[in-house]
PDB file of N, CA and C in Angstrom:
ATOM      1  N   MET A   1      26.679  17.340-115.018  1.00  0.00           N
ATOM      2  CA  MET A   1      25.528  18.014-115.590  1.00  0.00           C
ATOM      3  C   MET A   1      24.376  18.015-114.583  1.00  0.00           C
ATOM      4  N   ASP A   2      23.709  19.127-114.471  1.00  0.00           N
ATOM      5  CA  ASP A   2      22.594  19.294-113.544  1.00  0.00           C
ATOM      6  C   ASP A   2      21.316  18.768-114.195  1.00  0.00           C
ATOM      7  N   ASN A   3      20.738  17.711-113.640  1.00  0.00           N
ATOM      8  CA  ASN A   3      19.510  17.129-114.184  1.00  0.00           C
ATOM      9  C   ASN A   3      18.265  17.648-113.485  1.00  0.00           C
ATOM     10  N   ASN A   4      18.426  18.675-112.658  1.00  0.00           N
ATOM     11  CA  ASN A   4      17.275  19.211-111.942  1.00  0.00           C
ATOM     12  C   ASN A   4      16.374  20.001-112.862  1.00  0.00           C
ATOM     13  N   ARG A   5      15.115  20.034-112.479  1.00  0.00           N
ATOM     14  CA  ARG A   5      14.120  20.827-113.188  1.00  0.00           C
ATOM     15  C   ARG A   5      13.460  21.771-112.194  1.00  0.00           C
ATOM     16  N   ILE A   6      13.020  22.895-112.710  1.00  0.00           N
ATOM     17  CA  ILE A   6      12.245  23.852-111.923  1.00  0.00           C
ATOM     18  C   ILE A   6      10.779  23.573-112.244  1.00  0.00           C
ATOM     19  N   GLY A   7       9.936  23.651-111.240  1.00  0.00           N
ATOM     20  CA  GLY A   7       8.531  23.390-111.507  1.00  0.00           C
ATOM     21  C   GLY A   7       7.625  23.973-110.453  1.00  0.00           C
ATOM     22  N   VAL A   8       6.345  23.818-110.725  1.00  0.00           N
ATOM     23  CA  VAL A   8       5.311  24.247-109.791  1.00  0.00           C
ATOM     24  C   VAL A   8       4.419  23.046-109.513  1.00  0.00           C
ATOM     25  N   ILE A   9       4.045  22.903-108.251  1.00  0.00           N
ATOM     26  CA  ILE A   9       3.123  21.843-107.845  1.00  0.00           C
ATOM     27  C   ILE A   9       1.931  22.508-107.177  1.00  0.00           C
ATOM     28  N   GLY A  10       0.737  22.175-107.650  1.00  0.00           N
ATOM     29  CA  GLY A  10      -0.501  22.662-107.043  1.00  0.00           C
ATOM     30  C   GLY A  10      -1.156  21.551-106.250  1.00  0.00           C
ATOM     31  N   ILE A  11      -1.539  21.854-105.023  1.00  0.00           N
ATOM     32  CA  ILE A  11      -2.143  20.866-104.132  1.00  0.00           C
ATOM     33  C   ILE A  11      -3.466  21.426-103.619  1.00  0.00           C
ATOM     34  N   VAL A  12      -4.538  20.652-103.776  1.00  0.00           N
ATOM     35  CA  VAL A  12      -5.842  21.037-103.235  1.00  0.00           C
ATOM     36  C   VAL A  12      -6.226  20.000-102.193  1.00  0.00           C
ATOM     37  N   ILE A  13      -6.453  20.476-100.978  1.00  0.00           N
ATOM     38  CA  ILE A  13      -6.816  19.605 -99.864  1.00  0.00           C
ATOM     39  C   ILE A  13      -8.301  19.812 -99.569  1.00  0.00           C
ATOM     40  N   GLU A  14      -9.085  18.748 -99.718  1.00  0.00           N
ATOM     41  CA  GLU A  14     -10.531  18.837 -99.527  1.00  0.00           C
ATOM     42  C   GLU A  14     -10.976  18.419 -98.134  1.00  0.00           C
ATOM     43  N   ASP A  15     -10.046  17.976 -97.302  1.00  0.00           N
ATOM     44  CA  ASP A  15     -10.362  17.578 -95.927  1.00  0.00           C
ATOM     45  C   ASP A  15      -9.210  18.020 -95.031  1.00  0.00           C
ATOM     46  N   ARG A  16      -9.450  19.002 -94.183  1.00  0.00           N
ATOM     47  CA  ARG A  16      -8.383  19.551 -93.342  1.00  0.00           C
ATOM     48  C   ARG A  16      -7.765  18.519 -92.403  1.00  0.00           C
ATOM     49  N   ASN A  17      -8.446  17.432 -92.162  1.00  0.00           N
ATOM     50  CA  ASN A  17      -7.912  16.398 -91.279  1.00  0.00           C
ATOM     51  C   ASN A  17      -6.663  15.728 -91.840  1.00  0.00           C
ATOM     52  N   VAL A  18      -6.461  15.822 -93.141  1.00  0.00           N
ATOM     53  CA  VAL A  18      -5.267  15.208 -93.748  1.00  0.00           C
ATOM     54  C   VAL A  18      -4.101  16.196 -93.840  1.00  0.00           C
ATOM     55  N   ALA A  19      -4.309  17.435 -93.419  1.00  0.00           N
ATOM     56  CA  ALA A  19      -3.256  18.450 -93.495  1.00  0.00           C
ATOM     57  C   ALA A  19      -1.967  18.039 -92.778  1.00  0.00           C
ATOM     58  N   PRO A  20      -2.030  17.398 -91.604  1.00  0.00           N
ATOM     59  CA  PRO A  20      -0.777  16.970 -90.973  1.00  0.00           C
ATOM     60  C   PRO A  20       0.023  15.966 -91.818  1.00  0.00           C
ATOM     61  N   LYS A  21      -0.678  15.070 -92.522  1.00  0.00           N
ATOM     62  CA  LYS A  21       0.013  14.130 -93.421  1.00  0.00           C
ATOM     63  C   LYS A  21       0.703  14.885 -94.552  1.00  0.00           C
ATOM     64  N   VAL A  22      -0.021  15.840 -95.134  1.00  0.00           N
ATOM     65  CA  VAL A  22       0.539  16.638 -96.233  1.00  0.00           C
ATOM     66  C   VAL A  22       1.770  17.396 -95.743  1.00  0.00           C
ATOM     67  N   ASN A  23       1.665  18.054 -94.602  1.00  0.00           N
ATOM     68  CA  ASN A  23       2.791  18.824 -94.083  1.00  0.00           C
ATOM     69  C   ASN A  23       3.979  17.934 -93.738  1.00  0.00           C
ATOM     70  N   GLY A  24       3.721  16.726 -93.265  1.00  0.00           N
ATOM     71  CA  GLY A  24       4.806  15.792 -92.990  1.00  0.00           C
ATOM     72  C   GLY A  24       5.575  15.419 -94.249  1.00  0.00           C
ATOM     73  N   ILE A  25       4.844  15.175 -95.328  1.00  0.00           N
ATOM     74  CA  ILE A  25       5.491  14.842 -96.606  1.00  0.00           C
ATOM     75  C   ILE A  25       6.255  16.046 -97.141  1.00  0.00           C
ATOM     76  N   LEU A  26       5.668  17.229 -97.037  1.00  0.00           N
ATOM     77  CA  LEU A  26       6.359  18.427 -97.516  1.00  0.00           C
ATOM     78  C   LEU A  26       7.646  18.658 -96.724  1.00  0.00           C
ATOM     79  N   SER A  27       7.628  18.395 -95.442  1.00  0.00           N
ATOM     80  CA  SER A  27       8.844  18.519 -94.629  1.00  0.00           C
ATOM     81  C   SER A  27       9.894  17.513 -95.069  1.00  0.00           C
ATOM     82  N   GLU A  28       9.459  16.313 -95.397  1.00  0.00           N
ATOM     83  CA  GLU A  28      10.365  15.259 -95.856  1.00  0.00           C
ATOM     84  C   GLU A  28      11.102  15.667 -97.138  1.00  0.00           C
ATOM     85  N   TYR A  29      10.445  16.447 -97.992  1.00  0.00           N
ATOM     86  CA  TYR A  29      11.019  16.874 -99.267  1.00  0.00           C
ATOM     87  C   TYR A  29      11.413  18.352 -99.259  1.00  0.00           C
ATOM     88  N   GLY A  30      11.615  18.892 -98.074  1.00  0.00           N
ATOM     89  CA  GLY A  30      11.923  20.312 -97.931  1.00  0.00           C
ATOM     90  C   GLY A  30      13.142  20.777 -98.707  1.00  0.00           C
ATOM     91  N   GLU A  31      14.091  19.883 -98.968  1.00  0.00           N
ATOM     92  CA  GLU A  31      15.321  20.287 -99.669  1.00  0.00           C
ATOM     93  C   GLU A  31      15.073  20.676-101.126  1.00  0.00           C
ATOM     94  N   ILE A  32      13.950  20.250-101.718  1.00  0.00           N
ATOM     95  CA  ILE A  32      13.679  20.636-103.106  1.00  0.00           C
ATOM     96  C   ILE A  32      12.649  21.750-103.216  1.00  0.00           C
ATOM     97  N   ILE A  33      12.029  22.129-102.096  1.00  0.00           N
ATOM     98  CA  ILE A  33      11.011  23.180-102.111  1.00  0.00           C
ATOM     99  C   ILE A  33      11.699  24.531-101.917  1.00  0.00           C
ATOM    100  N   ILE A  34      11.576  25.396-102.936  1.00  0.00           N
ATOM    101  CA  ILE A  34      12.208  26.708-102.834  1.00  0.00           C
ATOM    102  C   ILE A  34      11.205  27.817-102.528  1.00  0.00           C
ATOM    103  N   GLY A  35       9.919  27.494-102.624  1.00  0.00           N
ATOM    104  CA  GLY A  35       8.883  28.459-102.280  1.00  0.00           C
ATOM    105  C   GLY A  35       7.568  27.749-102.020  1.00  0.00           C
ATOM    106  N   ARG A  36       6.783  28.306-101.114  1.00  0.00           N
ATOM    107  CA  ARG A  36       5.508  27.693-100.754  1.00  0.00           C
ATOM    108  C   ARG A  36       4.513  28.782-100.382  1.00  0.00           C
ATOM    109  N   MET A  37       3.274  28.625-100.862  1.00  0.00           N
ATOM    110  CA  MET A  37       2.196  29.513-100.465  1.00  0.00           C
ATOM    111  C   MET A  37       0.972  28.652-100.170  1.00  0.00           C
ATOM    112  N   GLY A  38       0.380  28.821 -99.010  1.00  0.00           N
ATOM    113  CA  GLY A  38      -0.808  28.070 -98.640  1.00  0.00           C
ATOM    114  C   GLY A  38      -1.954  29.007 -98.310  1.00  0.00           C
ATOM    115  N   ILE A  39      -3.114  28.708 -98.871  1.00  0.00           N
ATOM    116  CA  ILE A  39      -4.294  29.537 -98.662  1.00  0.00           C
ATOM    117  C   ILE A  39      -5.456  28.659 -98.208  1.00  0.00           C
ATOM    118  N   PRO A  40      -5.957  28.862 -96.997  1.00  0.00           N
ATOM    119  CA  PRO A  40      -7.187  28.166 -96.605  1.00  0.00           C
ATOM    120  C   PRO A  40      -8.381  28.935 -97.177  1.00  0.00           C
ATOM    121  N   TYR A  41      -9.220  28.257 -97.922  1.00  0.00           N
ATOM    122  CA  TYR A  41     -10.399  28.893 -98.514  1.00  0.00           C
ATOM    123  C   TYR A  41     -11.622  28.380 -97.760  1.00  0.00           C
ATOM    124  N   HIS A  42     -11.907  29.046 -96.652  1.00  0.00           N
ATOM    125  CA  HIS A  42     -12.943  28.591 -95.722  1.00  0.00           C
ATOM    126  C   HIS A  42     -14.327  28.533 -96.367  1.00  0.00           C
ATOM    127  N   HIS A  43     -14.609  29.447 -97.271  1.00  0.00           N
ATOM    128  CA  HIS A  43     -15.924  29.503 -97.915  1.00  0.00           C
ATOM    129  C   HIS A  43     -16.224  28.202 -98.666  1.00  0.00           C
ATOM    130  N   LYS A  44     -15.216  27.612 -99.270  1.00  0.00           N
ATOM    131  CA  LYS A  44     -15.387  26.361-100.025  1.00  0.00           C
ATOM    132  C   LYS A  44     -14.896  25.140 -99.250  1.00  0.00           C
ATOM    133  N   GLU A  45     -14.409  25.364 -98.040  1.00  0.00           N
ATOM    134  CA  GLU A  45     -13.902  24.298 -97.172  1.00  0.00           C
ATOM    135  C   GLU A  45     -12.777  23.487 -97.825  1.00  0.00           C
ATOM    136  N   VAL A  46     -11.845  24.186 -98.475  1.00  0.00           N
ATOM    137  CA  VAL A  46     -10.651  23.565 -99.055  1.00  0.00           C
ATOM    138  C   VAL A  46      -9.439  24.412 -98.682  1.00  0.00           C
ATOM    139  N   SER A  47      -8.286  23.815 -98.826  1.00  0.00           N
ATOM    140  CA  SER A  47      -7.024  24.542 -98.698  1.00  0.00           C
ATOM    141  C   SER A  47      -6.241  24.323 -99.968  1.00  0.00           C
ATOM    142  N   VAL A  48      -5.546  25.351-100.414  1.00  0.00           N
ATOM    143  CA  VAL A  48      -4.761  25.275-101.638  1.00  0.00           C
ATOM    144  C   VAL A  48      -3.319  25.627-101.299  1.00  0.00           C
ATOM    145  N   ILE A  49      -2.405  24.785-101.736  1.00  0.00           N
ATOM    146  CA  ILE A  49      -0.974  25.016-101.530  1.00  0.00           C
ATOM    147  C   ILE A  49      -0.299  25.024-102.892  1.00  0.00           C
ATOM    148  N   SER A  50       0.533  26.023-103.126  1.00  0.00           N
ATOM    149  CA  SER A  50       1.354  26.025-104.336  1.00  0.00           C
ATOM    150  C   SER A  50       2.816  25.958-103.915  1.00  0.00           C
ATOM    151  N   LEU A  51       3.568  25.127-104.623  1.00  0.00           N
ATOM    152  CA  LEU A  51       4.986  24.946-104.338  1.00  0.00           C
ATOM    153  C   LEU A  51       5.802  25.280-105.571  1.00  0.00           C
ATOM    154  N   ILE A  52       6.951  25.879-105.371  1.00  0.00           N
ATOM    155  CA  ILE A  52       7.964  26.001-106.418  1.00  0.00           C
ATOM    156  C   ILE A  52       9.064  25.031-106.009  1.00  0.00           C
ATOM    157  N   VAL A  53       9.438  24.152-106.929  1.00  0.00           N
ATOM    158  CA  VAL A  53      10.417  23.110-106.611  1.00  0.00           C
ATOM    159  C   VAL A  53      11.591  23.158-107.579  1.00  0.00           C
ATOM    160  N   ASP A  54      12.724  22.634-107.112  1.00  0.00           N
ATOM    161  CA  ASP A  54      13.937  22.488-107.916  1.00  0.00           C
ATOM    162  C   ASP A  54      14.524  21.130-107.554  1.00  0.00           C
ATOM    163  N   GLY A  55      14.316  20.147-108.437  1.00  0.00           N
ATOM    164  CA  GLY A  55      14.796  18.803-108.143  1.00  0.00           C
ATOM    165  C   GLY A  55      14.779  17.931-109.382  1.00  0.00           C
ATOM    166  N   ASN A  56      15.271  16.716-109.231  1.00  0.00           N
ATOM    167  CA  ASN A  56      15.233  15.791-110.375  1.00  0.00           C
ATOM    168  C   ASN A  56      13.836  15.184-110.485  1.00  0.00           C
ATOM    169  N   THR A  57      13.540  14.615-111.629  1.00  0.00           N
ATOM    170  CA  THR A  57      12.184  14.121-111.880  1.00  0.00           C
ATOM    171  C   THR A  57      11.806  12.972-110.951  1.00  0.00           C
ATOM    172  N   ASP A  58      12.774  12.158-110.557  1.00  0.00           N
ATOM    173  CA  ASP A  58      12.467  11.059-109.635  1.00  0.00           C
ATOM    174  C   ASP A  58      12.005  11.590-108.283  1.00  0.00           C
ATOM    175  N   THR A  59      12.703  12.578-107.760  1.00  0.00           N
ATOM    176  CA  THR A  59      12.355  13.129-106.455  1.00  0.00           C
ATOM    177  C   THR A  59      11.034  13.883-106.510  1.00  0.00           C
ATOM    178  N   ILE A  60      10.835  14.678-107.542  1.00  0.00           N
ATOM    179  CA  ILE A  60       9.579  15.417-107.685  1.00  0.00           C
ATOM    180  C   ILE A  60       8.421  14.439-107.869  1.00  0.00           C
ATOM    181  N   GLY A  61       8.646  13.390-108.652  1.00  0.00           N
ATOM    182  CA  GLY A  61       7.615  12.369-108.847  1.00  0.00           C
ATOM    183  C   GLY A  61       7.274  11.635-107.566  1.00  0.00           C
ATOM    184  N   ALA A  62       8.284  11.361-106.747  1.00  0.00           N
ATOM    185  CA  ALA A  62       8.033  10.703-105.459  1.00  0.00           C
ATOM    186  C   ALA A  62       7.199  11.608-104.555  1.00  0.00           C
ATOM    187  N   LEU A  63       7.524  12.896-104.537  1.00  0.00           N
ATOM    188  CA  LEU A  63       6.768  13.857-103.731  1.00  0.00           C
ATOM    189  C   LEU A  63       5.315  13.907-104.180  1.00  0.00           C
ATOM    190  N   THR A  64       5.083  14.106-105.471  1.00  0.00           N
ATOM    191  CA  THR A  64       3.705  14.218-105.964  1.00  0.00           C
ATOM    192  C   THR A  64       2.957  12.898-105.813  1.00  0.00           C
ATOM    193  N   GLY A  65       3.655  11.788-105.966  1.00  0.00           N
ATOM    194  CA  GLY A  65       3.016  10.482-105.789  1.00  0.00           C
ATOM    195  C   GLY A  65       2.548  10.253-104.371  1.00  0.00           C
ATOM    196  N   LYS A  66       3.381  10.596-103.411  1.00  0.00           N
ATOM    197  CA  LYS A  66       2.991  10.431-101.997  1.00  0.00           C
ATOM    198  C   LYS A  66       1.821  11.348-101.646  1.00  0.00           C
ATOM    199  N   LEU A  67       1.867  12.583-102.145  1.00  0.00           N
ATOM    200  CA  LEU A  67       0.764  13.503-101.869  1.00  0.00           C
ATOM    201  C   LEU A  67      -0.525  13.026-102.530  1.00  0.00           C
ATOM    202  N   GLY A  68      -0.429  12.603-103.768  1.00  0.00           N
ATOM    203  CA  GLY A  68      -1.612  12.162-104.516  1.00  0.00           C
ATOM    204  C   GLY A  68      -2.238  10.897-103.965  1.00  0.00           C
ATOM    205  N   ALA A  69      -1.480  10.122-103.204  1.00  0.00           N
ATOM    206  CA  ALA A  69      -2.007   8.889-102.614  1.00  0.00           C
ATOM    207  C   ALA A  69      -2.874   9.152-101.380  1.00  0.00           C
ATOM    208  N   ILE A  70      -2.848  10.371-100.885  1.00  0.00           N
ATOM    209  CA  ILE A  70      -3.653  10.721 -99.707  1.00  0.00           C
ATOM    210  C   ILE A  70      -5.087  11.006-100.167  1.00  0.00           C
ATOM    211  N   HIS A  71      -6.036  10.348 -99.497  1.00  0.00           N
ATOM    212  CA  HIS A  71      -7.456  10.550 -99.812  1.00  0.00           C
ATOM    213  C   HIS A  71      -7.826  12.019 -99.607  1.00  0.00           C
ATOM    214  N   ASN A  72      -8.572  12.581-100.545  1.00  0.00           N
ATOM    215  CA  ASN A  72      -9.036  13.979-100.517  1.00  0.00           C
ATOM    216  C   ASN A  72      -7.935  14.991-100.773  1.00  0.00           C
ATOM    217  N   VAL A  73      -6.838  14.571-101.423  1.00  0.00           N
ATOM    218  CA  VAL A  73      -5.776  15.480-101.841  1.00  0.00           C
ATOM    219  C   VAL A  73      -5.592  15.322-103.345  1.00  0.00           C
ATOM    220  N   ASN A  74      -5.667  16.443-104.068  1.00  0.00           N
ATOM    221  CA  ASN A  74      -5.457  16.454-105.519  1.00  0.00           C
ATOM    222  C   ASN A  74      -4.175  17.215-105.823  1.00  0.00           C
ATOM    223  N   VAL A  75      -3.360  16.656-106.716  1.00  0.00           N
ATOM    224  CA  VAL A  75      -2.045  17.226-107.006  1.00  0.00           C
ATOM    225  C   VAL A  75      -1.838  17.303-108.520  1.00  0.00           C
ATOM    226  N   LYS A  76      -1.294  18.414-108.965  1.00  0.00           N
ATOM    227  CA  LYS A  76      -0.888  18.595-110.365  1.00  0.00           C
ATOM    228  C   LYS A  76       0.460  19.281-110.378  1.00  0.00           C
ATOM    229  N   SER A  77       1.278  18.962-111.376  1.00  0.00           N
ATOM    230  CA  SER A  77       2.585  19.597-111.469  1.00  0.00           C
ATOM    231  C   SER A  77       2.900  19.956-112.909  1.00  0.00           C
ATOM    232  N   ALA A  78       3.780  20.937-113.041  1.00  0.00           N
ATOM    233  CA  ALA A  78       4.304  21.346-114.353  1.00  0.00           C
ATOM    234  C   ALA A  78       5.786  21.621-114.149  1.00  0.00           C
ATOM    235  N   LEU A  79       6.626  21.060-115.037  1.00  0.00           N
ATOM    236  CA  LEU A  79       8.070  21.176-114.915  1.00  0.00           C
ATOM    237  C   LEU A  79       8.664  21.744-116.178  1.00  0.00           C
ATOM    238  N   THR A  80       9.862  22.354-116.020  1.00  0.00           N
ATOM    239  CA  THR A  80      10.591  22.776-117.200  1.00  0.00           C
ATOM    240  C   THR A  80      10.998  21.544-117.989  1.00  0.00           C
ATOM    241  N   LYS A  81      11.208  21.723-119.264  1.00  0.00           N
ATOM    242  CA  LYS A  81      11.611  20.608-120.114  1.00  0.00           C
ATOM    243  C   LYS A  81      13.087  20.289-119.862  1.00  0.00           C
ATOM    244  N   SER A  82      13.446  19.013-120.078  1.00  0.00           N
ATOM    245  CA  SER A  82      14.854  18.626-119.898  1.00  0.00           C
ATOM    246  C   SER A  82      15.667  19.163-121.050  1.00  0.00           C
ATOM    247  N   LYS A  83      16.976  19.328-120.805  1.00  0.00           N
ATOM    248  CA  LYS A  83      17.842  19.868-121.851  1.00  0.00           C
ATOM    249  C   LYS A  83      18.589  18.758-122.531  1.00  0.00           C
TER     250      LYS A  83
END
């Protein structure tokens, strides 16, 4: 049985200096990322990244936890319900 869930993760980066850390973590979890869009919003001095993911809750939770632990990075996620 497939325990994977489809979801979206929103990431707001308030300090561009942490972008390399964020990108390193995203590369580490690249196998569950099926889509990514990143927008630098220079007027507000933030960057916004949206991810579409397909993975189990443990892996998605590890990804969001590592991202959320970075100072000046805010993360929210929404996943499909389990069956």
